[in-house]
Amino acid sequence: MSETQGTHPNNGMSGVPDARAPWGILLSVILAVAGAVTWWVAAGLVAQAQEVYDISKTLVGGDLFADSTPIVAPTVWMWIGIVATAAGVALAIVFFIRRERAADRAVRPQNLSERMSERANEQPSVAAELATLADLHERSVLSDAEFAAAKSRALNG
């Protein structure tokens, strides 16, 4: 599958979602916007229900006969909107971080054998090898004879 179909091109597994695909961020932004709209509408309904409750409380002269039930449902929807907005923002952050990590992984070799072959192809410089040998000799890991033999091997290739 190609990258445009939402599968990572380097993992060799069809059907595995590509973290770089924009669908996750898009869905989380839609969730956040829907939550914000839900909260906004429910907050208006709560304010309206609160006004009706206050008027009925004033007309009947106390809390005994005033009905506060119409405030409950909009309040619940208001909290649902707040939670949906927070979840949408959190998911957008998670998908963004996953997308960035996937982009970083695309630059690096994907499996152990590729990394091992790259390391095998890397030749340490003679100066670096001599510095390592000198350090080992100073710490008494290598004897004088071993150090001389390793040094001549490094210099002669």
N, C-alpha and C. Protein backbone atom coordinates (compact mmCIF):
# COMPACT_ATOMS: atom_id res chain seq x y z
N MET A 1 0.85 -1.19 0.00
CA MET A 1 0.00 0.00 0.00
C MET A 1 0.88 1.23 0.00
N SER A 2 0.40 2.27 -0.55
CA SER A 2 1.19 3.49 -0.62
C SER A 2 0.92 4.38 0.58
N GLU A 3 1.76 5.38 0.72
CA GLU A 3 1.64 6.30 1.85
C GLU A 3 0.33 7.08 1.78
N THR A 4 -0.15 7.34 0.57
CA THR A 4 -1.39 8.10 0.45
C THR A 4 -2.58 7.31 0.93
N GLN A 5 -2.44 5.98 1.03
CA GLN A 5 -3.55 5.17 1.51
C GLN A 5 -3.49 4.98 3.01
N GLY A 6 -2.56 5.63 3.67
CA GLY A 6 -2.53 5.60 5.13
C GLY A 6 -1.71 4.47 5.71
N THR A 7 -0.78 3.90 4.95
CA THR A 7 0.07 2.85 5.46
C THR A 7 1.51 3.31 5.38
N HIS A 8 2.27 2.99 6.39
CA HIS A 8 3.66 3.41 6.43
C HIS A 8 4.44 2.65 5.36
N PRO A 9 5.16 3.33 4.48
CA PRO A 9 5.83 2.65 3.37
C PRO A 9 7.02 1.82 3.82
N ASN A 10 7.60 2.09 4.97
CA ASN A 10 8.82 1.39 5.37
C ASN A 10 8.58 0.20 6.27
N ASN A 11 7.37 0.02 6.76
CA ASN A 11 7.20 -1.07 7.71
C ASN A 11 6.84 -2.38 7.03
N GLY A 12 6.50 -2.36 5.76
CA GLY A 12 6.24 -3.57 5.01
C GLY A 12 4.98 -4.30 5.42
N MET A 13 4.15 -3.71 6.22
CA MET A 13 2.94 -4.36 6.68
C MET A 13 1.74 -3.61 6.14
N SER A 14 0.96 -4.28 5.33
CA SER A 14 -0.22 -3.61 4.80
C SER A 14 -1.28 -3.51 5.89
N GLY A 15 -2.01 -2.44 5.87
CA GLY A 15 -3.08 -2.24 6.83
C GLY A 15 -2.65 -1.59 8.13
N VAL A 16 -1.36 -1.35 8.32
CA VAL A 16 -0.89 -0.69 9.53
C VAL A 16 -0.98 0.81 9.30
N PRO A 17 -1.72 1.54 10.13
CA PRO A 17 -1.89 2.97 9.90
C PRO A 17 -0.58 3.72 9.99
N ASP A 18 -0.45 4.70 9.14
CA ASP A 18 0.71 5.57 9.14
C ASP A 18 0.45 6.70 10.12
N ALA A 19 1.34 6.86 11.12
CA ALA A 19 1.15 7.90 12.13
C ALA A 19 1.28 9.29 11.53
N ARG A 20 1.85 9.38 10.32
CA ARG A 20 1.99 10.68 9.68
C ARG A 20 0.72 11.09 8.95
N ALA A 21 -0.22 10.16 8.80
CA ALA A 21 -1.46 10.47 8.09
C ALA A 21 -2.23 11.53 8.87
N PRO A 22 -2.80 12.50 8.19
CA PRO A 22 -3.46 13.62 8.88
C PRO A 22 -4.83 13.29 9.45
N TRP A 23 -5.34 12.08 9.24
CA TRP A 23 -6.70 11.79 9.69
C TRP A 23 -6.85 11.89 11.20
N GLY A 24 -5.86 11.48 11.95
CA GLY A 24 -5.95 11.52 13.42
C GLY A 24 -6.04 12.94 13.94
N ILE A 25 -5.21 13.80 13.41
CA ILE A 25 -5.23 15.20 13.84
C ILE A 25 -6.55 15.84 13.42
N LEU A 26 -7.01 15.53 12.21
CA LEU A 26 -8.27 16.10 11.72
C LEU A 26 -9.44 15.66 12.60
N LEU A 27 -9.50 14.38 12.93
CA LEU A 27 -10.60 13.90 13.77
C LEU A 27 -10.56 14.50 15.18
N SER A 28 -9.36 14.66 15.72
CA SER A 28 -9.27 15.24 17.06
C SER A 28 -9.64 16.72 17.06
N VAL A 29 -9.33 17.43 15.99
CA VAL A 29 -9.74 18.84 15.89
C VAL A 29 -11.25 18.92 15.74
N ILE A 30 -11.84 18.01 14.97
CA ILE A 30 -13.30 17.98 14.83
C ILE A 30 -13.94 17.70 16.18
N LEU A 31 -13.38 16.77 16.95
CA LEU A 31 -13.90 16.47 18.29
C LEU A 31 -13.81 17.70 19.19
N ALA A 32 -12.69 18.40 19.14
CA ALA A 32 -12.52 19.58 19.98
C ALA A 32 -13.50 20.68 19.59
N VAL A 33 -13.71 20.89 18.30
CA VAL A 33 -14.65 21.92 17.85
C VAL A 33 -16.08 21.52 18.22
N ALA A 34 -16.43 20.26 18.01
CA ALA A 34 -17.78 19.80 18.38
C ALA A 34 -18.01 19.94 19.88
N GLY A 35 -16.99 19.63 20.67
CA GLY A 35 -17.11 19.79 22.11
C GLY A 35 -17.29 21.25 22.51
N ALA A 36 -16.55 22.14 21.86
CA ALA A 36 -16.66 23.56 22.16
C ALA A 36 -18.04 24.09 21.79
N VAL A 37 -18.56 23.66 20.64
CA VAL A 37 -19.91 24.10 20.23
C VAL A 37 -20.95 23.54 21.20
N THR A 38 -20.81 22.28 21.59
CA THR A 38 -21.74 21.67 22.55
C THR A 38 -21.71 22.44 23.86
N TRP A 39 -20.52 22.75 24.33
CA TRP A 39 -20.40 23.51 25.58
C TRP A 39 -21.05 24.88 25.44
N TRP A 40 -20.80 25.55 24.32
CA TRP A 40 -21.34 26.90 24.12
C TRP A 40 -22.87 26.89 24.12
N VAL A 41 -23.46 25.94 23.37
CA VAL A 41 -24.93 25.85 23.31
C VAL A 41 -25.49 25.47 24.67
N ALA A 42 -24.88 24.49 25.34
CA ALA A 42 -25.38 24.06 26.64
C ALA A 42 -25.24 25.15 27.69
N ALA A 43 -24.16 25.94 27.61
CA ALA A 43 -23.99 27.04 28.57
C ALA A 43 -25.11 28.07 28.39
N GLY A 44 -25.50 28.31 27.15
CA GLY A 44 -26.63 29.22 26.91
C GLY A 44 -27.93 28.67 27.46
N LEU A 45 -28.12 27.34 27.28
CA LEU A 45 -29.34 26.72 27.82
C LEU A 45 -29.35 26.71 29.34
N VAL A 46 -28.19 26.52 29.95
CA VAL A 46 -28.09 26.57 31.41
C VAL A 46 -28.45 27.96 31.91
N ALA A 47 -27.91 28.99 31.24
CA ALA A 47 -28.21 30.37 31.65
C ALA A 47 -29.69 30.66 31.51
N GLN A 48 -30.28 30.18 30.41
CA GLN A 48 -31.71 30.40 30.20
C GLN A 48 -32.54 29.65 31.25
N ALA A 49 -32.19 28.40 31.53
CA ALA A 49 -32.91 27.62 32.53
C ALA A 49 -32.73 28.24 33.92
N GLN A 50 -31.55 28.78 34.20
CA GLN A 50 -31.30 29.43 35.49
C GLN A 50 -32.18 30.66 35.65
N GLU A 51 -32.37 31.42 34.57
CA GLU A 51 -33.25 32.59 34.62
C GLU A 51 -34.68 32.17 34.90
N VAL A 52 -35.16 31.12 34.21
CA VAL A 52 -36.52 30.63 34.43
C VAL A 52 -36.66 30.15 35.87
N TYR A 53 -35.66 29.45 36.39
CA TYR A 53 -35.69 28.97 37.77
C TYR A 53 -35.75 30.14 38.75
N ASP A 54 -34.92 31.17 38.50
CA ASP A 54 -34.91 32.33 39.39
C ASP A 54 -36.26 33.05 39.38
N ILE A 55 -36.86 33.18 38.19
CA ILE A 55 -38.17 33.85 38.08
C ILE A 55 -39.23 33.03 38.81
N SER A 56 -39.23 31.70 38.59
CA SER A 56 -40.24 30.86 39.26
C SER A 56 -40.04 30.86 40.77
N LYS A 57 -38.80 30.92 41.20
CA LYS A 57 -38.51 30.98 42.62
C LYS A 57 -39.04 32.30 43.22
N THR A 58 -38.88 33.38 42.47
CA THR A 58 -39.36 34.69 42.92
C THR A 58 -40.88 34.71 42.97
N LEU A 59 -41.53 34.13 41.96
CA LEU A 59 -42.99 34.16 41.87
C LEU A 59 -43.65 33.32 42.97
N VAL A 60 -43.06 32.16 43.27
CA VAL A 60 -43.69 31.31 44.28
C VAL A 60 -43.20 31.61 45.68
N GLY A 61 -42.18 32.41 45.81
CA GLY A 61 -41.73 32.85 47.12
C GLY A 61 -40.77 31.91 47.81
N GLY A 62 -40.00 31.15 47.09
CA GLY A 62 -38.98 30.30 47.73
C GLY A 62 -38.66 29.08 46.89
N ASP A 63 -37.85 28.20 47.48
CA ASP A 63 -37.38 27.01 46.77
C ASP A 63 -38.38 25.85 46.81
N LEU A 64 -39.37 25.94 47.63
CA LEU A 64 -40.24 24.81 47.85
C LEU A 64 -40.94 24.33 46.57
N PHE A 65 -41.48 25.28 45.78
CA PHE A 65 -42.21 24.89 44.58
C PHE A 65 -41.47 25.22 43.29
N ALA A 66 -40.28 25.79 43.36
CA ALA A 66 -39.50 26.11 42.15
C ALA A 66 -38.86 24.83 41.63
N ASP A 67 -38.90 24.62 40.34
CA ASP A 67 -38.39 23.39 39.72
C ASP A 67 -37.02 23.65 39.11
N SER A 68 -36.00 22.99 39.63
CA SER A 68 -34.65 23.16 39.09
C SER A 68 -34.26 22.04 38.12
N THR A 69 -35.17 21.14 37.81
CA THR A 69 -34.90 20.02 36.91
C THR A 69 -34.46 20.46 35.52
N PRO A 70 -35.03 21.52 34.92
CA PRO A 70 -34.60 21.90 33.57
C PRO A 70 -33.12 22.34 33.50
N ILE A 71 -32.49 22.59 34.62
CA ILE A 71 -31.08 23.01 34.61
C ILE A 71 -30.16 21.80 34.50
N VAL A 72 -30.60 20.62 34.92
CA VAL A 72 -29.73 19.45 35.02
C VAL A 72 -29.24 18.99 33.64
N ALA A 73 -30.14 18.79 32.70
CA ALA A 73 -29.74 18.26 31.39
C ALA A 73 -28.76 19.18 30.66
N PRO A 74 -29.04 20.50 30.57
CA PRO A 74 -28.04 21.35 29.91
C PRO A 74 -26.70 21.38 30.64
N THR A 75 -26.73 21.25 31.97
CA THR A 75 -25.48 21.23 32.73
C THR A 75 -24.67 19.98 32.38
N VAL A 76 -25.35 18.84 32.27
CA VAL A 76 -24.67 17.60 31.88
C VAL A 76 -24.08 17.76 30.49
N TRP A 77 -24.84 18.32 29.53
CA TRP A 77 -24.32 18.53 28.17
C TRP A 77 -23.17 19.51 28.16
N MET A 78 -23.21 20.49 29.06
CA MET A 78 -22.12 21.45 29.14
C MET A 78 -20.83 20.73 29.56
N TRP A 79 -20.92 19.84 30.55
CA TRP A 79 -19.75 19.09 30.99
C TRP A 79 -19.28 18.11 29.92
N ILE A 80 -20.21 17.52 29.19
CA ILE A 80 -19.83 16.64 28.08
C ILE A 80 -19.05 17.45 27.04
N GLY A 81 -19.50 18.66 26.77
CA GLY A 81 -18.78 19.52 25.82
C GLY A 81 -17.39 19.87 26.30
N ILE A 82 -17.25 20.15 27.60
CA ILE A 82 -15.94 20.47 28.16
C ILE A 82 -15.01 19.26 28.04
N VAL A 83 -15.50 18.08 28.38
CA VAL A 83 -14.68 16.87 28.30
C VAL A 83 -14.31 16.56 26.86
N ALA A 84 -15.27 16.71 25.93
CA ALA A 84 -14.98 16.44 24.52
C ALA A 84 -13.95 17.42 23.98
N THR A 85 -14.02 18.67 24.38
CA THR A 85 -13.04 19.65 23.94
C THR A 85 -11.65 19.29 24.47
N ALA A 86 -11.57 18.95 25.73
CA ALA A 86 -10.28 18.58 26.32
C ALA A 86 -9.73 17.31 25.67
N ALA A 87 -10.59 16.33 25.42
CA ALA A 87 -10.16 15.09 24.77
C ALA A 87 -9.68 15.36 23.35
N GLY A 88 -10.39 16.21 22.63
CA GLY A 88 -9.97 16.54 21.27
C GLY A 88 -8.62 17.22 21.23
N VAL A 89 -8.39 18.15 22.14
CA VAL A 89 -7.10 18.83 22.20
C VAL A 89 -6.00 17.84 22.57
N ALA A 90 -6.26 16.98 23.57
CA ALA A 90 -5.26 15.99 23.98
C ALA A 90 -4.93 15.03 22.84
N LEU A 91 -5.95 14.57 22.13
CA LEU A 91 -5.71 13.67 21.00
C LEU A 91 -4.93 14.36 19.89
N ALA A 92 -5.23 15.62 19.64
CA ALA A 92 -4.48 16.35 18.61
C ALA A 92 -3.01 16.42 18.98
N ILE A 93 -2.72 16.66 20.25
CA ILE A 93 -1.32 16.71 20.70
C ILE A 93 -0.67 15.34 20.54
N VAL A 94 -1.38 14.27 20.93
CA VAL A 94 -0.83 12.92 20.81
C VAL A 94 -0.56 12.57 19.35
N PHE A 95 -1.51 12.84 18.46
CA PHE A 95 -1.31 12.53 17.05
C PHE A 95 -0.18 13.37 16.45
N PHE A 96 -0.05 14.60 16.88
CA PHE A 96 1.02 15.45 16.38
C PHE A 96 2.38 14.89 16.82
N ILE A 97 2.48 14.49 18.08
CA ILE A 97 3.74 13.93 18.58
C ILE A 97 4.05 12.62 17.86
N ARG A 98 3.05 11.78 17.65
CA ARG A 98 3.27 10.51 16.92
C ARG A 98 3.72 10.78 15.50
N ARG A 99 3.15 11.79 14.87
CA ARG A 99 3.53 12.13 13.50
C ARG A 99 4.99 12.57 13.44
N GLU A 100 5.40 13.38 14.42
CA GLU A 100 6.80 13.84 14.46
C GLU A 100 7.75 12.67 14.71
N ARG A 101 7.38 11.77 15.61
CA ARG A 101 8.25 10.62 15.88
C ARG A 101 8.34 9.71 14.67
N ALA A 102 7.23 9.53 13.95
CA ALA A 102 7.25 8.70 12.75
C ALA A 102 8.15 9.32 11.68
N ALA A 103 8.13 10.63 11.58
CA ALA A 103 9.00 11.30 10.63
C ALA A 103 10.46 11.11 11.01
N ASP A 104 10.76 11.14 12.30
CA ASP A 104 12.13 10.90 12.76
C ASP A 104 12.56 9.46 12.46
N ARG A 105 11.64 8.51 12.68
CA ARG A 105 11.96 7.11 12.41
C ARG A 105 12.15 6.84 10.92
N ALA A 106 11.49 7.60 10.07
CA ALA A 106 11.62 7.40 8.63
C ALA A 106 13.03 7.75 8.17
N VAL A 107 13.69 8.62 8.88
CA VAL A 107 15.05 9.02 8.52
C VAL A 107 16.04 7.95 8.95
N ARG A 108 15.80 7.33 10.09
CA ARG A 108 16.70 6.31 10.61
C ARG A 108 16.40 4.94 10.01
N PRO A 109 17.36 4.02 10.02
CA PRO A 109 17.09 2.65 9.55
C PRO A 109 15.99 2.01 10.39
N GLN A 110 15.17 1.20 9.76
CA GLN A 110 14.00 0.67 10.43
C GLN A 110 14.27 -0.62 11.21
N ASN A 111 15.24 -1.42 10.82
CA ASN A 111 15.43 -2.66 11.55
C ASN A 111 16.88 -2.85 11.96
N LEU A 112 17.11 -3.86 12.76
CA LEU A 112 18.42 -4.09 13.35
C LEU A 112 19.45 -4.45 12.29
N SER A 113 19.07 -5.26 11.30
CA SER A 113 20.05 -5.68 10.30
C SER A 113 20.55 -4.49 9.48
N GLU A 114 19.68 -3.54 9.16
CA GLU A 114 20.12 -2.35 8.44
C GLU A 114 21.09 -1.53 9.28
N ARG A 115 20.80 -1.38 10.58
CA ARG A 115 21.69 -0.63 11.45
C ARG A 115 23.03 -1.34 11.61
N MET A 116 23.01 -2.66 11.72
CA MET A 116 24.26 -3.41 11.87
C MET A 116 25.11 -3.31 10.60
N SER A 117 24.47 -3.38 9.43
CA SER A 117 25.25 -3.27 8.19
C SER A 117 25.84 -1.87 8.03
N GLU A 118 25.11 -0.84 8.48
CA GLU A 118 25.67 0.51 8.43
C GLU A 118 26.87 0.64 9.35
N ARG A 119 26.79 0.05 10.54
CA ARG A 119 27.91 0.12 11.48
C ARG A 119 29.11 -0.67 10.97
N ALA A 120 28.85 -1.79 10.29
CA ALA A 120 29.94 -2.59 9.76
C ALA A 120 30.68 -1.82 8.66
N ASN A 121 29.96 -1.01 7.91
CA ASN A 121 30.57 -0.24 6.83
C ASN A 121 31.36 0.95 7.34
N GLU A 122 31.09 1.37 8.55
CA GLU A 122 31.80 2.51 9.10
C GLU A 122 33.20 2.07 9.53
N GLN A 123 34.20 2.75 9.06
CA GLN A 123 35.58 2.46 9.43
C GLN A 123 36.05 3.52 10.41
N PRO A 124 36.47 3.11 11.61
CA PRO A 124 36.97 4.12 12.54
C PRO A 124 38.29 4.69 12.02
N SER A 125 38.53 5.92 12.29
CA SER A 125 39.77 6.55 11.83
C SER A 125 40.94 5.98 12.61
N VAL A 126 42.10 6.06 12.02
CA VAL A 126 43.31 5.55 12.66
C VAL A 126 43.57 6.33 13.95
N ALA A 127 43.34 7.63 13.89
CA ALA A 127 43.58 8.46 15.08
C ALA A 127 42.64 8.05 16.22
N ALA A 128 41.39 7.78 15.90
CA ALA A 128 40.43 7.37 16.94
C ALA A 128 40.82 6.02 17.53
N GLU A 129 41.26 5.12 16.65
CA GLU A 129 41.65 3.79 17.12
C GLU A 129 42.91 3.89 18.00
N LEU A 130 43.86 4.73 17.61
CA LEU A 130 45.06 4.91 18.42
C LEU A 130 44.73 5.55 19.77
N ALA A 131 43.79 6.49 19.76
CA ALA A 131 43.39 7.12 21.02
C ALA A 131 42.74 6.10 21.94
N THR A 132 41.92 5.22 21.39
CA THR A 132 41.28 4.17 22.19
C THR A 132 42.33 3.22 22.75
N LEU A 133 43.27 2.83 21.91
CA LEU A 133 44.33 1.93 22.37
C LEU A 133 45.17 2.58 23.47
N ALA A 134 45.48 3.88 23.31
CA ALA A 134 46.26 4.58 24.33
C ALA A 134 45.50 4.64 25.65
N ASP A 135 44.21 4.87 25.56
CA ASP A 135 43.38 4.92 26.77
C ASP A 135 43.37 3.56 27.47
N LEU A 136 43.22 2.49 26.69
CA LEU A 136 43.23 1.15 27.28
C LEU A 136 44.59 0.83 27.90
N HIS A 137 45.66 1.28 27.26
CA HIS A 137 47.01 1.04 27.78
C HIS A 137 47.22 1.81 29.08
N GLU A 138 46.74 3.06 29.13
CA GLU A 138 46.89 3.87 30.34
C GLU A 138 46.13 3.27 31.51
N ARG A 139 44.98 2.65 31.23
CA ARG A 139 44.19 2.05 32.30
C ARG A 139 44.64 0.63 32.62
N SER A 140 45.75 0.22 32.04
CA SER A 140 46.35 -1.10 32.26
C SER A 140 45.46 -2.25 31.80
N VAL A 141 44.61 -1.98 30.83
CA VAL A 141 43.80 -3.05 30.23
C VAL A 141 44.67 -3.81 29.24
N LEU A 142 45.54 -3.07 28.53
CA LEU A 142 46.47 -3.69 27.58
C LEU A 142 47.89 -3.62 28.15
N SER A 143 48.61 -4.73 27.99
CA SER A 143 50.02 -4.72 28.40
C SER A 143 50.83 -3.96 27.35
N ASP A 144 52.11 -3.74 27.65
CA ASP A 144 52.97 -3.03 26.69
C ASP A 144 53.07 -3.79 25.37
N ALA A 145 53.18 -5.10 25.45
CA ALA A 145 53.31 -5.92 24.23
C ALA A 145 52.00 -5.89 23.43
N GLU A 146 50.86 -6.01 24.13
CA GLU A 146 49.57 -5.98 23.43
C GLU A 146 49.33 -4.62 22.80
N PHE A 147 49.69 -3.58 23.53
CA PHE A 147 49.53 -2.22 23.00
C PHE A 147 50.38 -2.02 21.75
N ALA A 148 51.64 -2.48 21.78
CA ALA A 148 52.54 -2.33 20.62
C ALA A 148 52.01 -3.11 19.42
N ALA A 149 51.50 -4.32 19.66
CA ALA A 149 50.97 -5.13 18.56
C ALA A 149 49.71 -4.49 17.96
N ALA A 150 48.82 -4.03 18.82
CA ALA A 150 47.59 -3.41 18.33
C ALA A 150 47.89 -2.10 17.61
N LYS A 151 48.87 -1.37 18.11
CA LYS A 151 49.25 -0.11 17.48
C LYS A 151 49.84 -0.34 16.09
N SER A 152 50.65 -1.36 15.95
CA SER A 152 51.23 -1.64 14.63
C SER A 152 50.16 -2.15 13.66
N ARG A 153 49.20 -2.93 14.14
CA ARG A 153 48.09 -3.37 13.29
C ARG A 153 47.26 -2.18 12.82
N ALA A 154 47.02 -1.22 13.72
CA ALA A 154 46.22 -0.04 13.36
C ALA A 154 46.97 0.81 12.34
N LEU A 155 48.26 0.95 12.51
CA LEU A 155 49.03 1.80 11.60
C LEU A 155 49.27 1.14 10.25
N ASN A 156 49.38 -0.19 10.23
CA ASN A 156 49.66 -0.90 8.98
C ASN A 156 48.38 -1.33 8.26
N GLY A 157 47.25 -1.19 8.94
CA GLY A 157 45.97 -1.48 8.30
C GLY A 157 45.68 -2.90 8.35
